[in-house]
Amino acid sequence: MATKTAVGGEQGKRSTMNRLLAAARIEFARKGLAGARVEAIAIDAGVTKQLVYHYYGSKEGLFVAVLDESSDNIMSELVNLNVESLPPPLAMRSVLNHFFDQYRFDPFLGSLALEGIRYHDVHETPRNHFLELAPALIAKLDAILKRGAASGDFRADINPRLLLASASLVTTGWFTNSYSMSALAGLDTDSEEGLSTWRQYSADFVLAGISLRT
């Protein structure tokens, strides 16, 4: 009986924390760290404000937990993409398209990413969870690049870390810098035409930079 109670308690805590993170994610994405209210998050999650502070210590602690959860979800999806059986160019395009699609189909990810960038720019944090998870994705890209070099599709001198950094900026900039992208591209970033055009163009652009074949 004691074991069942302990398990139930742990499951209940995890369920509560999941509700808190879901409510906090929306609040932070819509209002930013400065404008978000812990009380509003607690009400949306169906808990007390005191419980939020008990679990996360502060509003900033909750925000960092939201960023960590988003990093986990983003990286796990990318690392687990089943592209190993695809020809290297198609495998790389699939990864690039997924970079884009994660932002396209998550209405809060772009705003949350921008707020996270601002936070890490001005705060000394003990760690950045996204950076901790990056090596697995770098290794995945490196494997695709090596297969592509062996098949004669890709150049052999591509640095996978630099590729990841540049590809991330090119594909997701449509969402994290929408005003400038819309003005420069002459497309509405929220329109189906704009989304489809940049999804294809950004992948074409990156692939052209690493390809041996034209």
C-alpha atoms as a PDB file:
ATOM      1  CA  MET A   1       0.000   0.000   0.000  1.00  0.00           C
ATOM      2  CA  ALA A   2       2.819   2.391   0.849  1.00  0.00           C
ATOM      3  CA  THR A   3       4.431   1.686  -2.527  1.00  0.00           C
ATOM      4  CA  LYS A   4       1.185   2.397  -4.365  1.00  0.00           C
ATOM      5  CA  THR A   5       0.758   5.638  -2.462  1.00  0.00           C
ATOM      6  CA  ALA A   6       4.304   6.734  -3.266  1.00  0.00           C
ATOM      7  CA  VAL A   7       3.861   5.931  -6.939  1.00  0.00           C
ATOM      8  CA  GLY A   8       0.521   7.717  -7.029  1.00  0.00           C
ATOM      9  CA  GLY A   9       2.031  10.730  -5.318  1.00  0.00           C
ATOM     10  CA  GLU A  10       4.873  10.912  -7.784  1.00  0.00           C
ATOM     11  CA  GLN A  11       2.486  10.517 -10.721  1.00  0.00           C
ATOM     12  CA  GLY A  12       0.247  13.219  -9.287  1.00  0.00           C
ATOM     13  CA  LYS A  13       3.195  15.572  -8.909  1.00  0.00           C
ATOM     14  CA  ARG A  14       4.319  14.907 -12.472  1.00  0.00           C
ATOM     15  CA  SER A  15       0.797  15.547 -13.754  1.00  0.00           C
ATOM     16  CA  THR A  16       0.645  18.831 -11.831  1.00  0.00           C
ATOM     17  CA  MET A  17       4.020  19.933 -13.151  1.00  0.00           C
ATOM     18  CA  ASN A  18       2.970  19.071 -16.708  1.00  0.00           C
ATOM     19  CA  ARG A  19      -0.117  21.277 -16.343  1.00  0.00           C
ATOM     20  CA  LEU A  20       2.016  24.069 -14.932  1.00  0.00           C
ATOM     21  CA  LEU A  21       4.532  23.866 -17.758  1.00  0.00           C
ATOM     22  CA  ALA A  22       1.763  23.852 -20.375  1.00  0.00           C
ATOM     23  CA  ALA A  23       0.083  26.907 -18.842  1.00  0.00           C
ATOM     24  CA  ALA A  24       3.397  28.692 -18.330  1.00  0.00           C
ATOM     25  CA  ARG A  25       4.476  28.040 -21.905  1.00  0.00           C
ATOM     26  CA  ILE A  26       1.458  29.910 -23.248  1.00  0.00           C
ATOM     27  CA  GLU A  27       1.747  32.752 -20.727  1.00  0.00           C
ATOM     28  CA  PHE A  28       5.464  33.302 -21.406  1.00  0.00           C
ATOM     29  CA  ALA A  29       5.020  33.085 -25.179  1.00  0.00           C
ATOM     30  CA  ARG A  30       2.192  35.628 -25.163  1.00  0.00           C
ATOM     31  CA  LYS A  31       3.473  38.095 -22.570  1.00  0.00           C
ATOM     32  CA  GLY A  32       7.203  37.466 -22.234  1.00  0.00           C
ATOM     33  CA  LEU A  33       9.037  36.811 -18.997  1.00  0.00           C
ATOM     34  CA  ALA A  34       8.509  40.333 -17.662  1.00  0.00           C
ATOM     35  CA  GLY A  35       4.790  40.455 -18.432  1.00  0.00           C
ATOM     36  CA  ALA A  36       3.872  36.918 -17.413  1.00  0.00           C
ATOM     37  CA  ARG A  37       2.070  36.525 -14.092  1.00  0.00           C
ATOM     38  CA  VAL A  38       2.608  33.538 -11.850  1.00  0.00           C
ATOM     39  CA  GLU A  39      -0.911  33.920 -10.481  1.00  0.00           C
ATOM     40  CA  ALA A  40      -2.399  33.608 -13.973  1.00  0.00           C
ATOM     41  CA  ILE A  41      -0.292  30.522 -14.667  1.00  0.00           C
ATOM     42  CA  ALA A  42      -1.383  28.943 -11.398  1.00  0.00           C
ATOM     43  CA  ILE A  43      -5.055  29.611 -12.118  1.00  0.00           C
ATOM     44  CA  ASP A  44      -4.801  28.136 -15.622  1.00  0.00           C
ATOM     45  CA  ALA A  45      -3.045  25.060 -14.227  1.00  0.00           C
ATOM     46  CA  GLY A  46      -5.579  24.683 -11.403  1.00  0.00           C
ATOM     47  CA  VAL A  47      -3.045  25.055  -8.574  1.00  0.00           C
ATOM     48  CA  THR A  48      -2.056  27.641  -6.017  1.00  0.00           C
ATOM     49  CA  LYS A  49       0.598  30.276  -6.613  1.00  0.00           C
ATOM     50  CA  GLN A  50       2.439  28.937  -3.578  1.00  0.00           C
ATOM     51  CA  LEU A  51       2.756  25.523  -5.225  1.00  0.00           C
ATOM     52  CA  VAL A  52       4.386  27.118  -8.285  1.00  0.00           C
ATOM     53  CA  TYR A  53       7.061  28.637  -6.068  1.00  0.00           C
ATOM     54  CA  HIS A  54       7.404  25.364  -4.162  1.00  0.00           C
ATOM     55  CA  TYR A  55       8.196  23.449  -7.345  1.00  0.00           C
ATOM     56  CA  TYR A  56      10.224  26.044  -9.267  1.00  0.00           C
ATOM     57  CA  GLY A  57      11.436  28.586  -6.723  1.00  0.00           C
ATOM     58  CA  SER A  58      10.672  31.673  -8.809  1.00  0.00           C
ATOM     59  CA  LYS A  59       9.085  32.875 -12.008  1.00  0.00           C
ATOM     60  CA  GLU A  60      12.517  32.685 -13.649  1.00  0.00           C
ATOM     61  CA  GLY A  61      12.920  29.097 -12.468  1.00  0.00           C
ATOM     62  CA  LEU A  62       9.603  28.194 -14.075  1.00  0.00           C
ATOM     63  CA  PHE A  63      10.621  29.968 -17.274  1.00  0.00           C
ATOM     64  CA  VAL A  64      13.893  28.025 -17.475  1.00  0.00           C
ATOM     65  CA  ALA A  65      11.931  24.792 -16.926  1.00  0.00           C
ATOM     66  CA  VAL A  66       9.664  25.722 -19.847  1.00  0.00           C
ATOM     67  CA  LEU A  67      12.722  26.372 -22.042  1.00  0.00           C
ATOM     68  CA  ASP A  68      14.232  23.034 -21.015  1.00  0.00           C
ATOM     69  CA  GLU A  69      11.040  21.159 -21.849  1.00  0.00           C
ATOM     70  CA  SER A  70      10.862  22.829 -25.271  1.00  0.00           C
ATOM     71  CA  SER A  71      14.512  21.954 -25.908  1.00  0.00           C
ATOM     72  CA  ASP A  72      13.840  18.330 -24.977  1.00  0.00           C
ATOM     73  CA  ASN A  73      10.884  18.128 -27.350  1.00  0.00           C
ATOM     74  CA  ILE A  74      12.643  19.862 -30.240  1.00  0.00           C
ATOM     75  CA  MET A  75      15.828  17.836 -29.989  1.00  0.00           C
ATOM     76  CA  SER A  76      14.167  14.459 -29.392  1.00  0.00           C
ATOM     77  CA  GLU A  77      11.997  14.895 -32.479  1.00  0.00           C
ATOM     78  CA  LEU A  78      14.979  15.834 -34.638  1.00  0.00           C
ATOM     79  CA  VAL A  79      17.335  13.166 -33.311  1.00  0.00           C
ATOM     80  CA  ASN A  80      14.678  10.470 -33.689  1.00  0.00           C
ATOM     81  CA  LEU A  81      13.738  11.354 -37.263  1.00  0.00           C
ATOM     82  CA  ASN A  82      13.941   8.148 -39.288  1.00  0.00           C
ATOM     83  CA  VAL A  83      16.092   9.325 -42.208  1.00  0.00           C
ATOM     84  CA  GLU A  84      18.944   6.803 -42.136  1.00  0.00           C
ATOM     85  CA  SER A  85      17.538   4.765 -45.031  1.00  0.00           C
ATOM     86  CA  LEU A  86      16.997   7.822 -47.253  1.00  0.00           C
ATOM     87  CA  PRO A  87      19.538   9.043 -49.826  1.00  0.00           C
ATOM     88  CA  PRO A  88      21.715  11.724 -48.175  1.00  0.00           C
ATOM     89  CA  PRO A  89      20.195  14.747 -49.979  1.00  0.00           C
ATOM     90  CA  LEU A  90      16.678  13.613 -49.122  1.00  0.00           C
ATOM     91  CA  ALA A  91      17.689  12.796 -45.546  1.00  0.00           C
ATOM     92  CA  MET A  92      19.170  16.267 -45.084  1.00  0.00           C
ATOM     93  CA  ARG A  93      16.121  17.928 -46.644  1.00  0.00           C
ATOM     94  CA  SER A  94      13.877  16.014 -44.261  1.00  0.00           C
ATOM     95  CA  VAL A  95      15.840  17.333 -41.268  1.00  0.00           C
ATOM     96  CA  LEU A  96      15.797  20.893 -42.626  1.00  0.00           C
ATOM     97  CA  ASN A  97      12.072  20.725 -43.302  1.00  0.00           C
ATOM     98  CA  HIS A  98      11.523  19.500 -39.760  1.00  0.00           C
ATOM     99  CA  PHE A  99      13.427  22.506 -38.397  1.00  0.00           C
ATOM    100  CA  PHE A 100      10.873  24.662 -40.181  1.00  0.00           C
ATOM    101  CA  ASP A 101       7.808  22.550 -39.416  1.00  0.00           C
ATOM    102  CA  GLN A 102       8.408  22.543 -35.665  1.00  0.00           C
ATOM    103  CA  TYR A 103       7.909  26.316 -35.689  1.00  0.00           C
ATOM    104  CA  ARG A 104       5.210  26.264 -38.357  1.00  0.00           C
ATOM    105  CA  PHE A 105       2.896  23.977 -36.403  1.00  0.00           C
ATOM    106  CA  ASP A 106       3.614  25.308 -32.912  1.00  0.00           C
ATOM    107  CA  PRO A 107       2.058  28.784 -32.567  1.00  0.00           C
ATOM    108  CA  PHE A 108       4.066  29.581 -29.425  1.00  0.00           C
ATOM    109  CA  LEU A 109       7.539  28.304 -30.298  1.00  0.00           C
ATOM    110  CA  GLY A 110       8.758  31.380 -32.187  1.00  0.00           C
ATOM    111  CA  SER A 111       7.836  33.817 -29.419  1.00  0.00           C
ATOM    112  CA  LEU A 112       9.178  31.497 -26.747  1.00  0.00           C
ATOM    113  CA  ALA A 113      12.474  31.065 -28.600  1.00  0.00           C
ATOM    114  CA  LEU A 114      12.919  34.825 -28.873  1.00  0.00           C
ATOM    115  CA  GLU A 115      12.198  35.291 -25.176  1.00  0.00           C
ATOM    116  CA  GLY A 116      14.665  32.541 -24.373  1.00  0.00           C
ATOM    117  CA  ILE A 117      17.369  34.229 -26.443  1.00  0.00           C
ATOM    118  CA  ARG A 118      16.794  37.513 -24.616  1.00  0.00           C
ATOM    119  CA  TYR A 119      16.907  35.758 -21.264  1.00  0.00           C
ATOM    120  CA  HIS A 120      20.171  33.919 -21.912  1.00  0.00           C
ATOM    121  CA  ASP A 121      21.735  37.092 -23.320  1.00  0.00           C
ATOM    122  CA  VAL A 122      21.385  38.932 -20.004  1.00  0.00           C
ATOM    123  CA  HIS A 123      21.414  36.163 -17.382  1.00  0.00           C
ATOM    124  CA  GLU A 124      24.246  33.962 -16.249  1.00  0.00           C
ATOM    125  CA  THR A 125      22.612  30.565 -15.971  1.00  0.00           C
ATOM    126  CA  PRO A 126      24.348  27.427 -14.679  1.00  0.00           C
ATOM    127  CA  ARG A 127      23.553  25.645 -17.927  1.00  0.00           C
ATOM    128  CA  ASN A 128      21.736  25.909 -21.208  1.00  0.00           C
ATOM    129  CA  HIS A 129      19.759  22.719 -21.743  1.00  0.00           C
ATOM    130  CA  PHE A 130      19.558  23.255 -25.500  1.00  0.00           C
ATOM    131  CA  LEU A 131      23.360  23.241 -25.730  1.00  0.00           C
ATOM    132  CA  GLU A 132      23.533  20.097 -23.620  1.00  0.00           C
ATOM    133  CA  LEU A 133      21.293  18.282 -26.097  1.00  0.00           C
ATOM    134  CA  ALA A 134      22.905  19.623 -29.281  1.00  0.00           C
ATOM    135  CA  PRO A 135      25.720  17.007 -29.616  1.00  0.00           C
ATOM    136  CA  ALA A 136      23.258  14.236 -30.495  1.00  0.00           C
ATOM    137  CA  LEU A 137      21.818  16.310 -33.337  1.00  0.00           C
ATOM    138  CA  ILE A 138      25.287  17.338 -34.512  1.00  0.00           C
ATOM    139  CA  ALA A 139      26.230  13.647 -34.648  1.00  0.00           C
ATOM    140  CA  LYS A 140      23.126  12.894 -36.702  1.00  0.00           C
ATOM    141  CA  LEU A 141      23.955  15.634 -39.215  1.00  0.00           C
ATOM    142  CA  ASP A 142      27.571  14.485 -39.345  1.00  0.00           C
ATOM    143  CA  ALA A 143      26.456  10.949 -40.222  1.00  0.00           C
ATOM    144  CA  ILE A 144      24.308  12.276 -43.074  1.00  0.00           C
ATOM    145  CA  LEU A 145      27.167  14.454 -44.303  1.00  0.00           C
ATOM    146  CA  LYS A 146      29.585  11.518 -44.282  1.00  0.00           C
ATOM    147  CA  ARG A 147      27.142   9.353 -46.208  1.00  0.00           C
ATOM    148  CA  GLY A 148      26.680  12.208 -48.664  1.00  0.00           C
ATOM    149  CA  ALA A 149      30.432  12.665 -49.104  1.00  0.00           C
ATOM    150  CA  ALA A 150      30.834   8.922 -49.741  1.00  0.00           C
ATOM    151  CA  SER A 151      28.046   8.946 -52.335  1.00  0.00           C
ATOM    152  CA  GLY A 152      29.425  12.025 -54.082  1.00  0.00           C
ATOM    153  CA  ASP A 153      26.435  14.183 -53.182  1.00  0.00           C
ATOM    154  CA  PHE A 154      28.032  16.414 -50.533  1.00  0.00           C
ATOM    155  CA  ARG A 155      31.347  18.157 -50.087  1.00  0.00           C
ATOM    156  CA  ALA A 156      33.642  16.425 -47.646  1.00  0.00           C
ATOM    157  CA  ASP A 157      34.730  19.590 -45.808  1.00  0.00           C
ATOM    158  CA  ILE A 158      31.424  20.542 -44.159  1.00  0.00           C
ATOM    159  CA  ASN A 159      31.569  21.228 -40.415  1.00  0.00           C
ATOM    160  CA  PRO A 160      28.383  19.758 -38.888  1.00  0.00           C
ATOM    161  CA  ARG A 161      28.308  22.275 -36.025  1.00  0.00           C
ATOM    162  CA  LEU A 162      28.484  25.232 -38.381  1.00  0.00           C
ATOM    163  CA  LEU A 163      25.925  23.576 -40.631  1.00  0.00           C
ATOM    164  CA  LEU A 164      23.517  23.156 -37.715  1.00  0.00           C
ATOM    165  CA  ALA A 165      23.973  26.771 -36.632  1.00  0.00           C
ATOM    166  CA  SER A 166      23.485  28.236 -40.108  1.00  0.00           C
ATOM    167  CA  ALA A 167      20.663  25.889 -41.094  1.00  0.00           C
ATOM    168  CA  SER A 168      18.779  26.680 -37.882  1.00  0.00           C
ATOM    169  CA  LEU A 169      19.027  30.414 -38.522  1.00  0.00           C
ATOM    170  CA  VAL A 170      17.989  30.157 -42.171  1.00  0.00           C
ATOM    171  CA  THR A 171      15.005  27.876 -41.627  1.00  0.00           C
ATOM    172  CA  THR A 172      13.590  29.298 -38.390  1.00  0.00           C
ATOM    173  CA  GLY A 173      14.342  32.960 -39.062  1.00  0.00           C
ATOM    174  CA  TRP A 174      11.003  33.069 -40.843  1.00  0.00           C
ATOM    175  CA  PHE A 175       9.377  32.839 -37.401  1.00  0.00           C
ATOM    176  CA  THR A 176      11.873  34.526 -35.088  1.00  0.00           C
ATOM    177  CA  ASN A 177      12.427  37.586 -37.307  1.00  0.00           C
ATOM    178  CA  SER A 178       9.128  37.721 -39.153  1.00  0.00           C
ATOM    179  CA  TYR A 179       9.010  41.496 -39.678  1.00  0.00           C
ATOM    180  CA  SER A 180      12.357  41.695 -41.472  1.00  0.00           C
ATOM    181  CA  MET A 181      11.790  38.450 -43.361  1.00  0.00           C
ATOM    182  CA  SER A 182       8.416  39.623 -44.625  1.00  0.00           C
ATOM    183  CA  ALA A 183       9.816  42.982 -45.730  1.00  0.00           C
ATOM    184  CA  LEU A 184      12.857  41.499 -47.456  1.00  0.00           C
ATOM    185  CA  ALA A 185      11.139  38.513 -49.087  1.00  0.00           C
ATOM    186  CA  GLY A 186       8.012  40.422 -50.038  1.00  0.00           C
ATOM    187  CA  LEU A 187       5.824  37.699 -48.572  1.00  0.00           C
ATOM    188  CA  ASP A 188       3.400  37.490 -45.667  1.00  0.00           C
ATOM    189  CA  THR A 189       5.089  35.221 -43.127  1.00  0.00           C
ATOM    190  CA  ASP A 190       1.700  33.921 -41.956  1.00  0.00           C
ATOM    191  CA  SER A 191       0.339  33.149 -45.417  1.00  0.00           C
ATOM    192  CA  GLU A 192       0.354  29.683 -46.943  1.00  0.00           C
ATOM    193  CA  GLU A 193       2.318  31.061 -49.892  1.00  0.00           C
ATOM    194  CA  GLY A 194       4.945  32.596 -47.635  1.00  0.00           C
ATOM    195  CA  LEU A 195       5.278  29.488 -45.468  1.00  0.00           C
ATOM    196  CA  SER A 196       5.525  27.075 -48.396  1.00  0.00           C
ATOM    197  CA  THR A 197       7.930  29.311 -50.308  1.00  0.00           C
ATOM    198  CA  TRP A 198      10.378  29.730 -47.427  1.00  0.00           C
ATOM    199  CA  ARG A 199      10.155  26.080 -46.379  1.00  0.00           C
ATOM    200  CA  GLN A 200      11.379  25.008 -49.794  1.00  0.00           C
ATOM    201  CA  TYR A 201      13.758  27.910 -50.412  1.00  0.00           C
ATOM    202  CA  SER A 202      15.556  27.609 -47.079  1.00  0.00           C
ATOM    203  CA  ALA A 203      16.175  23.886 -47.590  1.00  0.00           C
ATOM    204  CA  ASP A 204      17.290  24.466 -51.198  1.00  0.00           C
ATOM    205  CA  PHE A 205      19.647  27.193 -50.014  1.00  0.00           C
ATOM    206  CA  VAL A 206      21.339  25.053 -47.377  1.00  0.00           C
ATOM    207  CA  LEU A 207      21.607  22.032 -49.661  1.00  0.00           C
ATOM    208  CA  ALA A 208      23.159  24.151 -52.423  1.00  0.00           C
ATOM    209  CA  GLY A 209      25.888  25.184 -49.990  1.00  0.00           C
ATOM    210  CA  ILE A 210      26.942  21.618 -49.174  1.00  0.00           C
ATOM    211  CA  SER A 211      26.255  19.887 -52.482  1.00  0.00           C
ATOM    212  CA  LEU A 212      28.737  18.695 -55.075  1.00  0.00           C
ATOM    213  CA  ARG A 213      25.963  18.292 -57.626  1.00  0.00           C
ATOM    214  CA  THR A 214      23.980  21.110 -59.212  1.00  0.00           C
END
